[in-house]
Amino acid sequence: MNANEEQEPFLQRRPPYSKTQVNKQGSNWRDGRDFDEQPIDEFLAYSAIHIDELFAITRRMIATFDFGIAPIDGLTVRPDSGGYALTARVKTKSTLLEKLRRMRSIPLMNIQDVVGIRFDCDLTLSQQSEVANSFAETFRQQGAKRVDIKDLRDKPHSGYRAVHLHVYANAGRSEIQIRTALQSRWANIYEKAGDIYGRDIRYLHEGGEIPKNAEKMVQDLHRLSRIIERIEALSDEPRLKQRRMIKKLRKEANGILDSSNHTLELVAEANAAQGRRLR
């Protein structure tokens, strides 16, 4: 790396691999044809550097917030805790191939969330919007060519509600997920349901179907997503007399999420036990 590259913001740097080769070999990989793994491996290796840089930028930004939040031990952010969890990951080869096959017309380099950061935090909706705007401005200042804010709160995807940032930079694309405590808990439990009943339930907005044995659980979780939406809308109301009621509602919603999570754990254990008996 020369002196100019060291001074240039990471997001403005061009990666060392051939984008054309990554897309070509990615298409061959998706379609089951012979392919050269090296360009894909180089892309994923650089994505690991990319995620480290994004994580550092995000962590520095969080330190400037005046919401009175603090990092938690673990990953489960609970309502009214004042806590947050910041995580980062690069898609594994298996999940990347799955997405390539699901999004058949999309070149590998155009998949937005190969590099992904998640910020789960005890926030109100207005604070969530403020965080999204602050992150977006920071990434632009750090060299991103464009940052699009995708608000999934009013038009959820299969019940999933959050605010996502789609970051476009010379270094590559990335996605930043910003979720409130209840949005995060709901999403993690729904993900667990997808692991048990099939990942199709995560893509109902794209034509996925609900398996017969999952209908009640999925319907209950979608209903709970709508309840959470109403509770969070109330949480932004400034009237003092509502605060105690809202706190109680958040606690009740979190209790329902705990119960749903416990039910899914029992189903997973029963499925595992049945699998052992059939061996």
C-alpha atoms as a PDB file:
ATOM      1  CA  MET A   1       0.000   0.000   0.000  1.00  0.00           C
ATOM      2  CA  ASN A   2       1.473   3.413  -0.986  1.00  0.00           C
ATOM      3  CA  ALA A   3       1.297   6.642   1.042  1.00  0.00           C
ATOM      4  CA  ASN A   4      -1.694   7.974  -0.916  1.00  0.00           C
ATOM      5  CA  GLU A   5      -3.704   4.816  -0.206  1.00  0.00           C
ATOM      6  CA  GLU A   6      -2.900   5.067   3.507  1.00  0.00           C
ATOM      7  CA  GLN A   7      -4.327   8.616   3.604  1.00  0.00           C
ATOM      8  CA  GLU A   8      -7.371   7.762   1.499  1.00  0.00           C
ATOM      9  CA  PRO A   9     -10.487   6.781   3.507  1.00  0.00           C
ATOM     10  CA  PHE A  10     -10.985   3.021   3.326  1.00  0.00           C
ATOM     11  CA  LEU A  11     -14.444   3.280   1.763  1.00  0.00           C
ATOM     12  CA  GLN A  12     -12.952   5.205  -1.180  1.00  0.00           C
ATOM     13  CA  ARG A  13     -10.333   2.551  -1.945  1.00  0.00           C
ATOM     14  CA  ARG A  14     -10.875   0.146  -4.800  1.00  0.00           C
ATOM     15  CA  PRO A  15     -10.541  -3.550  -3.913  1.00  0.00           C
ATOM     16  CA  PRO A  16      -7.647  -5.590  -5.333  1.00  0.00           C
ATOM     17  CA  TYR A  17      -9.782  -8.277  -7.012  1.00  0.00           C
ATOM     18  CA  SER A  18     -11.540  -8.271 -10.399  1.00  0.00           C
ATOM     19  CA  LYS A  19     -15.253  -7.484  -9.977  1.00  0.00           C
ATOM     20  CA  THR A  20     -15.922  -8.963 -13.415  1.00  0.00           C
ATOM     21  CA  GLN A  21     -14.340 -12.265 -12.380  1.00  0.00           C
ATOM     22  CA  VAL A  22     -16.192 -12.323  -9.048  1.00  0.00           C
ATOM     23  CA  ASN A  23     -19.526 -11.891 -10.840  1.00  0.00           C
ATOM     24  CA  LYS A  24     -18.660 -14.413 -13.566  1.00  0.00           C
ATOM     25  CA  GLN A  25     -17.523 -17.118 -11.151  1.00  0.00           C
ATOM     26  CA  GLY A  26     -20.432 -16.320  -8.829  1.00  0.00           C
ATOM     27  CA  SER A  27     -22.889 -16.978 -11.677  1.00  0.00           C
ATOM     28  CA  ASN A  28     -21.179 -20.272 -12.525  1.00  0.00           C
ATOM     29  CA  TRP A  29     -21.265 -21.259  -8.843  1.00  0.00           C
ATOM     30  CA  ARG A  30     -24.963 -20.434  -8.536  1.00  0.00           C
ATOM     31  CA  ASP A  31     -25.857 -22.365 -11.696  1.00  0.00           C
ATOM     32  CA  GLY A  32     -23.915 -25.491 -10.722  1.00  0.00           C
ATOM     33  CA  ARG A  33     -21.290 -25.103 -13.438  1.00  0.00           C
ATOM     34  CA  ASP A  34     -17.529 -25.466 -13.024  1.00  0.00           C
ATOM     35  CA  PHE A  35     -16.131 -22.330 -11.398  1.00  0.00           C
ATOM     36  CA  ASP A  36     -12.893 -20.863 -10.099  1.00  0.00           C
ATOM     37  CA  GLU A  37     -13.113 -20.329  -6.322  1.00  0.00           C
ATOM     38  CA  GLN A  38     -10.183 -17.918  -6.111  1.00  0.00           C
ATOM     39  CA  PRO A  39     -12.006 -14.687  -7.133  1.00  0.00           C
ATOM     40  CA  ILE A  40     -14.830 -15.474  -4.683  1.00  0.00           C
ATOM     41  CA  ASP A  41     -12.351 -16.247  -1.892  1.00  0.00           C
ATOM     42  CA  GLU A  42     -10.514 -12.973  -2.602  1.00  0.00           C
ATOM     43  CA  PHE A  43     -13.822 -11.085  -2.470  1.00  0.00           C
ATOM     44  CA  LEU A  44     -14.769 -12.643   0.884  1.00  0.00           C
ATOM     45  CA  ALA A  45     -11.279 -12.043   2.316  1.00  0.00           C
ATOM     46  CA  TYR A  46     -11.490  -8.366   1.400  1.00  0.00           C
ATOM     47  CA  SER A  47     -15.029  -8.255   2.807  1.00  0.00           C
ATOM     48  CA  ALA A  48     -13.543  -9.284   6.179  1.00  0.00           C
ATOM     49  CA  ILE A  49     -11.278  -6.206   6.059  1.00  0.00           C
ATOM     50  CA  HIS A  50     -14.240  -4.095   4.927  1.00  0.00           C
ATOM     51  CA  ILE A  51     -16.371  -5.209   7.894  1.00  0.00           C
ATOM     52  CA  ASP A  52     -13.594  -4.370  10.370  1.00  0.00           C
ATOM     53  CA  GLU A  53     -13.370  -0.825   9.002  1.00  0.00           C
ATOM     54  CA  LEU A  54     -17.155  -0.335   9.079  1.00  0.00           C
ATOM     55  CA  PHE A  55     -17.365  -1.717  12.608  1.00  0.00           C
ATOM     56  CA  ALA A  56     -14.728   0.750  13.820  1.00  0.00           C
ATOM     57  CA  ILE A  57     -16.536   3.693  12.177  1.00  0.00           C
ATOM     58  CA  THR A  58     -19.860   2.609  13.688  1.00  0.00           C
ATOM     59  CA  ARG A  59     -18.431   2.104  17.170  1.00  0.00           C
ATOM     60  CA  ARG A  60     -16.877   5.580  17.143  1.00  0.00           C
ATOM     61  CA  MET A  61     -20.208   7.055  16.066  1.00  0.00           C
ATOM     62  CA  ILE A  62     -22.138   5.298  18.847  1.00  0.00           C
ATOM     63  CA  ALA A  63     -19.768   6.823  21.422  1.00  0.00           C
ATOM     64  CA  THR A  64     -21.057  10.283  20.438  1.00  0.00           C
ATOM     65  CA  PHE A  65     -24.748   9.529  21.112  1.00  0.00           C
ATOM     66  CA  ASP A  66     -26.371  11.271  24.078  1.00  0.00           C
ATOM     67  CA  PHE A  67     -29.175   8.738  24.684  1.00  0.00           C
ATOM     68  CA  GLY A  68     -27.498   7.345  27.805  1.00  0.00           C
ATOM     69  CA  ILE A  69     -26.986   3.873  26.295  1.00  0.00           C
ATOM     70  CA  ALA A  70     -24.367   1.289  27.238  1.00  0.00           C
ATOM     71  CA  PRO A  71     -23.157  -2.007  25.708  1.00  0.00           C
ATOM     72  CA  ILE A  72     -24.650  -5.174  27.175  1.00  0.00           C
ATOM     73  CA  ASP A  73     -23.170  -8.571  27.936  1.00  0.00           C
ATOM     74  CA  GLY A  74     -24.694 -10.917  25.375  1.00  0.00           C
ATOM     75  CA  LEU A  75     -26.917 -10.155  22.394  1.00  0.00           C
ATOM     76  CA  THR A  76     -30.461  -9.824  23.804  1.00  0.00           C
ATOM     77  CA  VAL A  77     -31.362  -6.157  24.274  1.00  0.00           C
ATOM     78  CA  ARG A  78     -34.445  -5.797  26.469  1.00  0.00           C
ATOM     79  CA  PRO A  79     -36.870  -2.852  26.518  1.00  0.00           C
ATOM     80  CA  ASP A  80     -36.170  -0.105  29.079  1.00  0.00           C
ATOM     81  CA  SER A  81     -32.671  -1.492  29.702  1.00  0.00           C
ATOM     82  CA  GLY A  82     -30.705   1.393  28.200  1.00  0.00           C
ATOM     83  CA  GLY A  83     -28.506  -1.200  26.511  1.00  0.00           C
ATOM     84  CA  TYR A  84     -27.252  -1.938  23.020  1.00  0.00           C
ATOM     85  CA  ALA A  85     -25.521  -4.735  21.112  1.00  0.00           C
ATOM     86  CA  LEU A  86     -23.295  -4.071  18.100  1.00  0.00           C
ATOM     87  CA  THR A  87     -22.421  -7.061  15.915  1.00  0.00           C
ATOM     88  CA  ALA A  88     -20.855  -7.602  12.501  1.00  0.00           C
ATOM     89  CA  ARG A  89     -20.521 -10.488  10.084  1.00  0.00           C
ATOM     90  CA  VAL A  90     -19.552 -11.434   6.544  1.00  0.00           C
ATOM     91  CA  LYS A  91     -21.892 -13.944   4.905  1.00  0.00           C
ATOM     92  CA  THR A  92     -20.596 -17.491   4.875  1.00  0.00           C
ATOM     93  CA  LYS A  93     -20.231 -19.301   1.575  1.00  0.00           C
ATOM     94  CA  SER A  94     -23.301 -21.431   2.265  1.00  0.00           C
ATOM     95  CA  THR A  95     -25.595 -18.477   3.041  1.00  0.00           C
ATOM     96  CA  LEU A  96     -24.145 -16.537   0.110  1.00  0.00           C
ATOM     97  CA  LEU A  97     -24.874 -19.404  -2.288  1.00  0.00           C
ATOM     98  CA  GLU A  98     -28.399 -19.706  -0.896  1.00  0.00           C
ATOM     99  CA  LYS A  99     -29.022 -16.015  -1.548  1.00  0.00           C
ATOM    100  CA  LEU A 100     -27.516 -16.195  -5.036  1.00  0.00           C
ATOM    101  CA  ARG A 101     -29.922 -19.003  -5.901  1.00  0.00           C
ATOM    102  CA  ARG A 102     -32.896 -17.152  -4.432  1.00  0.00           C
ATOM    103  CA  MET A 103     -32.032 -13.911  -6.254  1.00  0.00           C
ATOM    104  CA  ARG A 104     -31.207 -15.499  -9.587  1.00  0.00           C
ATOM    105  CA  SER A 105     -30.890 -12.315 -11.641  1.00  0.00           C
ATOM    106  CA  ILE A 106     -28.580 -10.501  -9.194  1.00  0.00           C
ATOM    107  CA  PRO A 107     -24.780 -10.603  -9.744  1.00  0.00           C
ATOM    108  CA  LEU A 108     -22.769 -11.601  -6.683  1.00  0.00           C
ATOM    109  CA  MET A 109     -21.205  -8.134  -6.335  1.00  0.00           C
ATOM    110  CA  ASN A 110     -24.690  -6.570  -6.215  1.00  0.00           C
ATOM    111  CA  ILE A 111     -25.826  -8.500  -3.137  1.00  0.00           C
ATOM    112  CA  GLN A 112     -26.151  -5.723  -0.590  1.00  0.00           C
ATOM    113  CA  ASP A 113     -25.632  -7.565   2.690  1.00  0.00           C
ATOM    114  CA  VAL A 114     -22.551  -9.733   2.165  1.00  0.00           C
ATOM    115  CA  VAL A 115     -20.989  -7.263   4.601  1.00  0.00           C
ATOM    116  CA  GLY A 116     -23.444  -6.553   7.417  1.00  0.00           C
ATOM    117  CA  ILE A 117     -23.529  -4.671  10.716  1.00  0.00           C
ATOM    118  CA  ARG A 118     -26.374  -4.830  13.228  1.00  0.00           C
ATOM    119  CA  PHE A 119     -27.082  -2.229  15.912  1.00  0.00           C
ATOM    120  CA  ASP A 120     -29.786  -3.394  18.341  1.00  0.00           C
ATOM    121  CA  CYS A 121     -30.590  -0.751  20.931  1.00  0.00           C
ATOM    122  CA  ASP A 122     -33.190   0.321  23.494  1.00  0.00           C
ATOM    123  CA  LEU A 123     -34.531   3.189  21.360  1.00  0.00           C
ATOM    124  CA  THR A 124     -37.797   4.940  20.588  1.00  0.00           C
ATOM    125  CA  LEU A 125     -38.829   5.212  16.926  1.00  0.00           C
ATOM    126  CA  SER A 126     -37.726   8.857  16.734  1.00  0.00           C
ATOM    127  CA  GLN A 127     -34.343   7.955  18.238  1.00  0.00           C
ATOM    128  CA  GLN A 128     -34.057   5.088  15.748  1.00  0.00           C
ATOM    129  CA  SER A 129     -34.599   7.554  12.883  1.00  0.00           C
ATOM    130  CA  GLU A 130     -32.043   9.929  14.401  1.00  0.00           C
ATOM    131  CA  VAL A 131     -29.480   7.117  14.650  1.00  0.00           C
ATOM    132  CA  ALA A 132     -30.106   6.119  11.019  1.00  0.00           C
ATOM    133  CA  ASN A 133     -29.583   9.682   9.796  1.00  0.00           C
ATOM    134  CA  SER A 134     -26.428  10.080  11.920  1.00  0.00           C
ATOM    135  CA  PHE A 135     -24.957   6.816  10.637  1.00  0.00           C
ATOM    136  CA  ALA A 136     -25.789   7.737   7.030  1.00  0.00           C
ATOM    137  CA  GLU A 137     -24.098  11.135   7.303  1.00  0.00           C
ATOM    138  CA  THR A 138     -21.026   9.595   8.945  1.00  0.00           C
ATOM    139  CA  PHE A 139     -20.598   6.969   6.219  1.00  0.00           C
ATOM    140  CA  ARG A 140     -20.867   9.692   3.564  1.00  0.00           C
ATOM    141  CA  GLN A 141     -18.183  11.700   5.362  1.00  0.00           C
ATOM    142  CA  GLN A 142     -16.020   8.562   5.504  1.00  0.00           C
ATOM    143  CA  GLY A 143     -16.103   8.177   1.725  1.00  0.00           C
ATOM    144  CA  ALA A 144     -19.307   6.335   0.787  1.00  0.00           C
ATOM    145  CA  LYS A 145     -20.598   7.345  -2.643  1.00  0.00           C
ATOM    146  CA  ARG A 146     -24.216   6.914  -1.559  1.00  0.00           C
ATOM    147  CA  VAL A 147     -26.199   5.810   1.487  1.00  0.00           C
ATOM    148  CA  ASP A 148     -29.873   4.867   1.099  1.00  0.00           C
ATOM    149  CA  ILE A 149     -32.119   4.666   4.159  1.00  0.00           C
ATOM    150  CA  LYS A 150     -34.628   1.791   3.883  1.00  0.00           C
ATOM    151  CA  ASP A 151     -37.431   2.205   6.431  1.00  0.00           C
ATOM    152  CA  LEU A 152     -39.152  -1.162   6.966  1.00  0.00           C
ATOM    153  CA  ARG A 153     -41.230  -0.043   9.947  1.00  0.00           C
ATOM    154  CA  ASP A 154     -44.416   0.974   8.130  1.00  0.00           C
ATOM    155  CA  LYS A 155     -44.093  -1.661   5.382  1.00  0.00           C
ATOM    156  CA  PRO A 156     -42.546  -4.680   7.119  1.00  0.00           C
ATOM    157  CA  HIS A 157     -41.105  -7.680   5.267  1.00  0.00           C
ATOM    158  CA  SER A 158     -42.900 -10.799   6.530  1.00  0.00           C
ATOM    159  CA  GLY A 159     -43.496  -9.023   9.850  1.00  0.00           C
ATOM    160  CA  TYR A 160     -39.880  -7.831  10.101  1.00  0.00           C
ATOM    161  CA  ARG A 161     -39.534  -4.177  11.089  1.00  0.00           C
ATOM    162  CA  ALA A 162     -36.285  -2.194  11.206  1.00  0.00           C
ATOM    163  CA  VAL A 163     -34.370   0.602   9.513  1.00  0.00           C
ATOM    164  CA  HIS A 164     -31.614  -0.494   7.134  1.00  0.00           C
ATOM    165  CA  LEU A 165     -28.861   1.557   5.540  1.00  0.00           C
ATOM    166  CA  HIS A 166     -27.598   0.459   2.134  1.00  0.00           C
ATOM    167  CA  VAL A 167     -24.051   1.773   1.803  1.00  0.00           C
ATOM    168  CA  TYR A 168     -22.431   2.041  -1.644  1.00  0.00           C
ATOM    169  CA  ALA A 169     -18.683   2.678  -1.782  1.00  0.00           C
ATOM    170  CA  ASN A 170     -15.641   1.907  -3.921  1.00  0.00           C
ATOM    171  CA  ALA A 171     -14.681  -0.643  -1.251  1.00  0.00           C
ATOM    172  CA  GLY A 172     -17.963  -2.490  -1.854  1.00  0.00           C
ATOM    173  CA  ARG A 173     -21.562  -2.613  -0.732  1.00  0.00           C
ATOM    174  CA  SER A 174     -22.760  -3.129   2.814  1.00  0.00           C
ATOM    175  CA  GLU A 175     -25.909  -3.116   4.931  1.00  0.00           C
ATOM    176  CA  ILE A 176     -26.372  -1.606   8.392  1.00  0.00           C
ATOM    177  CA  GLN A 177     -29.409  -2.815  10.371  1.00  0.00           C
ATOM    178  CA  ILE A 178     -30.771  -0.570  13.131  1.00  0.00           C
ATOM    179  CA  ARG A 179     -33.389  -2.193  15.378  1.00  0.00           C
ATOM    180  CA  THR A 180     -35.164  -1.283  18.593  1.00  0.00           C
ATOM    181  CA  ALA A 181     -35.187  -3.725  21.511  1.00  0.00           C
ATOM    182  CA  LEU A 182     -38.610  -5.157  20.617  1.00  0.00           C
ATOM    183  CA  GLN A 183     -37.886  -5.229  16.869  1.00  0.00           C
ATOM    184  CA  SER A 184     -34.674  -7.112  17.595  1.00  0.00           C
ATOM    185  CA  ARG A 185     -36.266  -9.658  19.922  1.00  0.00           C
ATOM    186  CA  TRP A 186     -39.083 -10.300  17.448  1.00  0.00           C
ATOM    187  CA  ALA A 187     -36.635 -10.745  14.541  1.00  0.00           C
ATOM    188  CA  ASN A 188     -34.427 -13.182  16.449  1.00  0.00           C
ATOM    189  CA  ILE A 189     -37.413 -15.304  17.472  1.00  0.00           C
ATOM    190  CA  TYR A 190     -38.822 -15.271  13.933  1.00  0.00           C
ATOM    191  CA  GLU A 191     -35.411 -16.355  12.659  1.00  0.00           C
ATOM    192  CA  LYS A 192     -35.544 -19.267  15.095  1.00  0.00           C
ATOM    193  CA  ALA A 193     -39.004 -20.155  13.754  1.00  0.00           C
ATOM    194  CA  GLY A 194     -37.507 -20.125  10.246  1.00  0.00           C
ATOM    195  CA  ASP A 195     -34.805 -22.564  11.336  1.00  0.00           C
ATOM    196  CA  ILE A 196     -37.509 -24.932  12.628  1.00  0.00           C
ATOM    197  CA  TYR A 197     -40.279 -24.566  10.041  1.00  0.00           C
ATOM    198  CA  GLY A 198     -38.276 -23.615   6.957  1.00  0.00           C
ATOM    199  CA  ARG A 199     -36.696 -20.361   5.820  1.00  0.00           C
ATOM    200  CA  ASP A 200     -39.561 -19.696   3.382  1.00  0.00           C
ATOM    201  CA  ILE A 201     -41.487 -17.981   6.184  1.00  0.00           C
ATOM    202  CA  ARG A 202     -38.863 -15.206   6.131  1.00  0.00           C
ATOM    203  CA  TYR A 203     -39.682 -14.417   2.505  1.00  0.00           C
ATOM    204  CA  LEU A 204     -43.485 -14.317   2.450  1.00  0.00           C
ATOM    205  CA  HIS A 205     -43.208 -10.829   0.904  1.00  0.00           C
ATOM    206  CA  GLU A 206     -41.378 -12.489  -2.014  1.00  0.00           C
ATOM    207  CA  GLY A 207     -43.906 -15.298  -2.485  1.00  0.00           C
ATOM    208  CA  GLY A 208     -42.727 -17.740   0.182  1.00  0.00           C
ATOM    209  CA  GLU A 209     -45.338 -20.094   1.645  1.00  0.00           C
ATOM    210  CA  ILE A 210     -46.169 -21.017   5.234  1.00  0.00           C
ATOM    211  CA  PRO A 211     -45.944 -24.771   5.956  1.00  0.00           C
ATOM    212  CA  LYS A 212     -49.155 -26.222   7.398  1.00  0.00           C
ATOM    213  CA  ASN A 213     -47.526 -27.095  10.722  1.00  0.00           C
ATOM    214  CA  ALA A 214     -46.265 -23.504  11.112  1.00  0.00           C
ATOM    215  CA  GLU A 215     -49.462 -21.558  10.380  1.00  0.00           C
ATOM    216  CA  LYS A 216     -50.462 -20.786  13.977  1.00  0.00           C
ATOM    217  CA  MET A 217     -46.955 -19.839  15.113  1.00  0.00           C
ATOM    218  CA  VAL A 218     -46.344 -17.605  12.083  1.00  0.00           C
ATOM    219  CA  GLN A 219     -49.754 -15.932  12.379  1.00  0.00           C
ATOM    220  CA  ASP A 220     -49.186 -15.317  16.102  1.00  0.00           C
ATOM    221  CA  LEU A 221     -45.761 -13.792  15.449  1.00  0.00           C
ATOM    222  CA  HIS A 222     -47.130 -11.543  12.696  1.00  0.00           C
ATOM    223  CA  ARG A 223     -49.899 -10.418  15.047  1.00  0.00           C
ATOM    224  CA  LEU A 224     -47.289  -9.700  17.698  1.00  0.00           C
ATOM    225  CA  SER A 225     -45.295  -7.629  15.188  1.00  0.00           C
ATOM    226  CA  ARG A 226     -48.358  -5.423  14.651  1.00  0.00           C
ATOM    227  CA  ILE A 227     -48.843  -5.083  18.432  1.00  0.00           C
ATOM    228  CA  ILE A 228     -45.198  -4.038  18.811  1.00  0.00           C
ATOM    229  CA  GLU A 229     -45.700  -1.484  16.033  1.00  0.00           C
ATOM    230  CA  ARG A 230     -48.571   0.127  17.973  1.00  0.00           C
ATOM    231  CA  ILE A 231     -46.660   0.070  21.284  1.00  0.00           C
ATOM    232  CA  GLU A 232     -43.637   1.734  19.688  1.00  0.00           C
ATOM    233  CA  ALA A 233     -45.809   4.403  18.077  1.00  0.00           C
ATOM    234  CA  LEU A 234     -47.249   5.205  21.521  1.00  0.00           C
ATOM    235  CA  SER A 235     -43.739   5.352  22.997  1.00  0.00           C
ATOM    236  CA  ASP A 236     -42.998   8.463  20.946  1.00  0.00           C
ATOM    237  CA  GLU A 237     -45.969  10.320  22.476  1.00  0.00           C
ATOM    238  CA  PRO A 238     -44.711  12.998  24.883  1.00  0.00           C
ATOM    239  CA  ARG A 239     -47.559  12.812  27.400  1.00  0.00           C
ATOM    240  CA  LEU A 240     -46.175  11.911  30.824  1.00  0.00           C
ATOM    241  CA  LYS A 241     -49.290  10.057  31.953  1.00  0.00           C
ATOM    242  CA  GLN A 242     -48.747   7.460  29.211  1.00  0.00           C
ATOM    243  CA  ARG A 243     -45.219   6.520  30.234  1.00  0.00           C
ATOM    244  CA  ARG A 244     -46.186   4.040  32.939  1.00  0.00           C
ATOM    245  CA  MET A 245     -48.762   2.383  30.660  1.00  0.00           C
ATOM    246  CA  ILE A 246     -46.280   2.170  27.770  1.00  0.00           C
ATOM    247  CA  LYS A 247     -43.611   0.652  29.998  1.00  0.00           C
ATOM    248  CA  LYS A 248     -46.144  -1.949  31.137  1.00  0.00           C
ATOM    249  CA  LEU A 249     -47.111  -2.723  27.523  1.00  0.00           C
ATOM    250  CA  ARG A 250     -43.463  -3.129  26.512  1.00  0.00           C
ATOM    251  CA  LYS A 251     -42.936  -5.498  29.421  1.00  0.00           C
ATOM    252  CA  GLU A 252     -46.005  -7.536  28.414  1.00  0.00           C
ATOM    253  CA  ALA A 253     -44.869  -7.695  24.772  1.00  0.00           C
ATOM    254  CA  ASN A 254     -41.433  -8.843  25.883  1.00  0.00           C
ATOM    255  CA  GLY A 255     -43.078 -11.508  28.051  1.00  0.00           C
ATOM    256  CA  ILE A 256     -45.012 -12.796  25.025  1.00  0.00           C
ATOM    257  CA  LEU A 257     -41.740 -12.913  23.078  1.00  0.00           C
ATOM    258  CA  ASP A 258     -40.169 -14.908  25.921  1.00  0.00           C
ATOM    259  CA  SER A 259     -43.084 -17.347  25.785  1.00  0.00           C
ATOM    260  CA  SER A 260     -42.848 -17.702  21.982  1.00  0.00           C
ATOM    261  CA  ASN A 261     -39.115 -18.274  22.251  1.00  0.00           C
ATOM    262  CA  HIS A 262     -39.657 -20.983  24.889  1.00  0.00           C
ATOM    263  CA  THR A 263     -42.275 -22.694  22.698  1.00  0.00           C
ATOM    264  CA  LEU A 264     -39.880 -22.733  19.737  1.00  0.00           C
ATOM    265  CA  GLU A 265     -37.115 -24.190  21.911  1.00  0.00           C
ATOM    266  CA  LEU A 266     -39.468 -27.010  22.968  1.00  0.00           C
ATOM    267  CA  VAL A 267     -40.408 -27.689  19.327  1.00  0.00           C
ATOM    268  CA  ALA A 268     -36.724 -27.766  18.342  1.00  0.00           C
ATOM    269  CA  GLU A 269     -35.944 -30.194  21.187  1.00  0.00           C
ATOM    270  CA  ALA A 270     -38.873 -32.435  20.190  1.00  0.00           C
ATOM    271  CA  ASN A 271     -37.748 -32.441  16.548  1.00  0.00           C
ATOM    272  CA  ALA A 272     -34.198 -33.314  17.585  1.00  0.00           C
ATOM    273  CA  ALA A 273     -35.420 -36.151  19.819  1.00  0.00           C
ATOM    274  CA  GLN A 274     -37.574 -37.542  17.015  1.00  0.00           C
ATOM    275  CA  GLY A 275     -34.607 -37.372  14.648  1.00  0.00           C
ATOM    276  CA  ARG A 276     -32.487 -39.378  17.094  1.00  0.00           C
ATOM    277  CA  ARG A 277     -35.200 -42.052  17.415  1.00  0.00           C
ATOM    278  CA  LEU A 278     -35.410 -42.443  13.640  1.00  0.00           C
ATOM    279  CA  ARG A 279     -31.694 -43.166  13.277  1.00  0.00           C
END
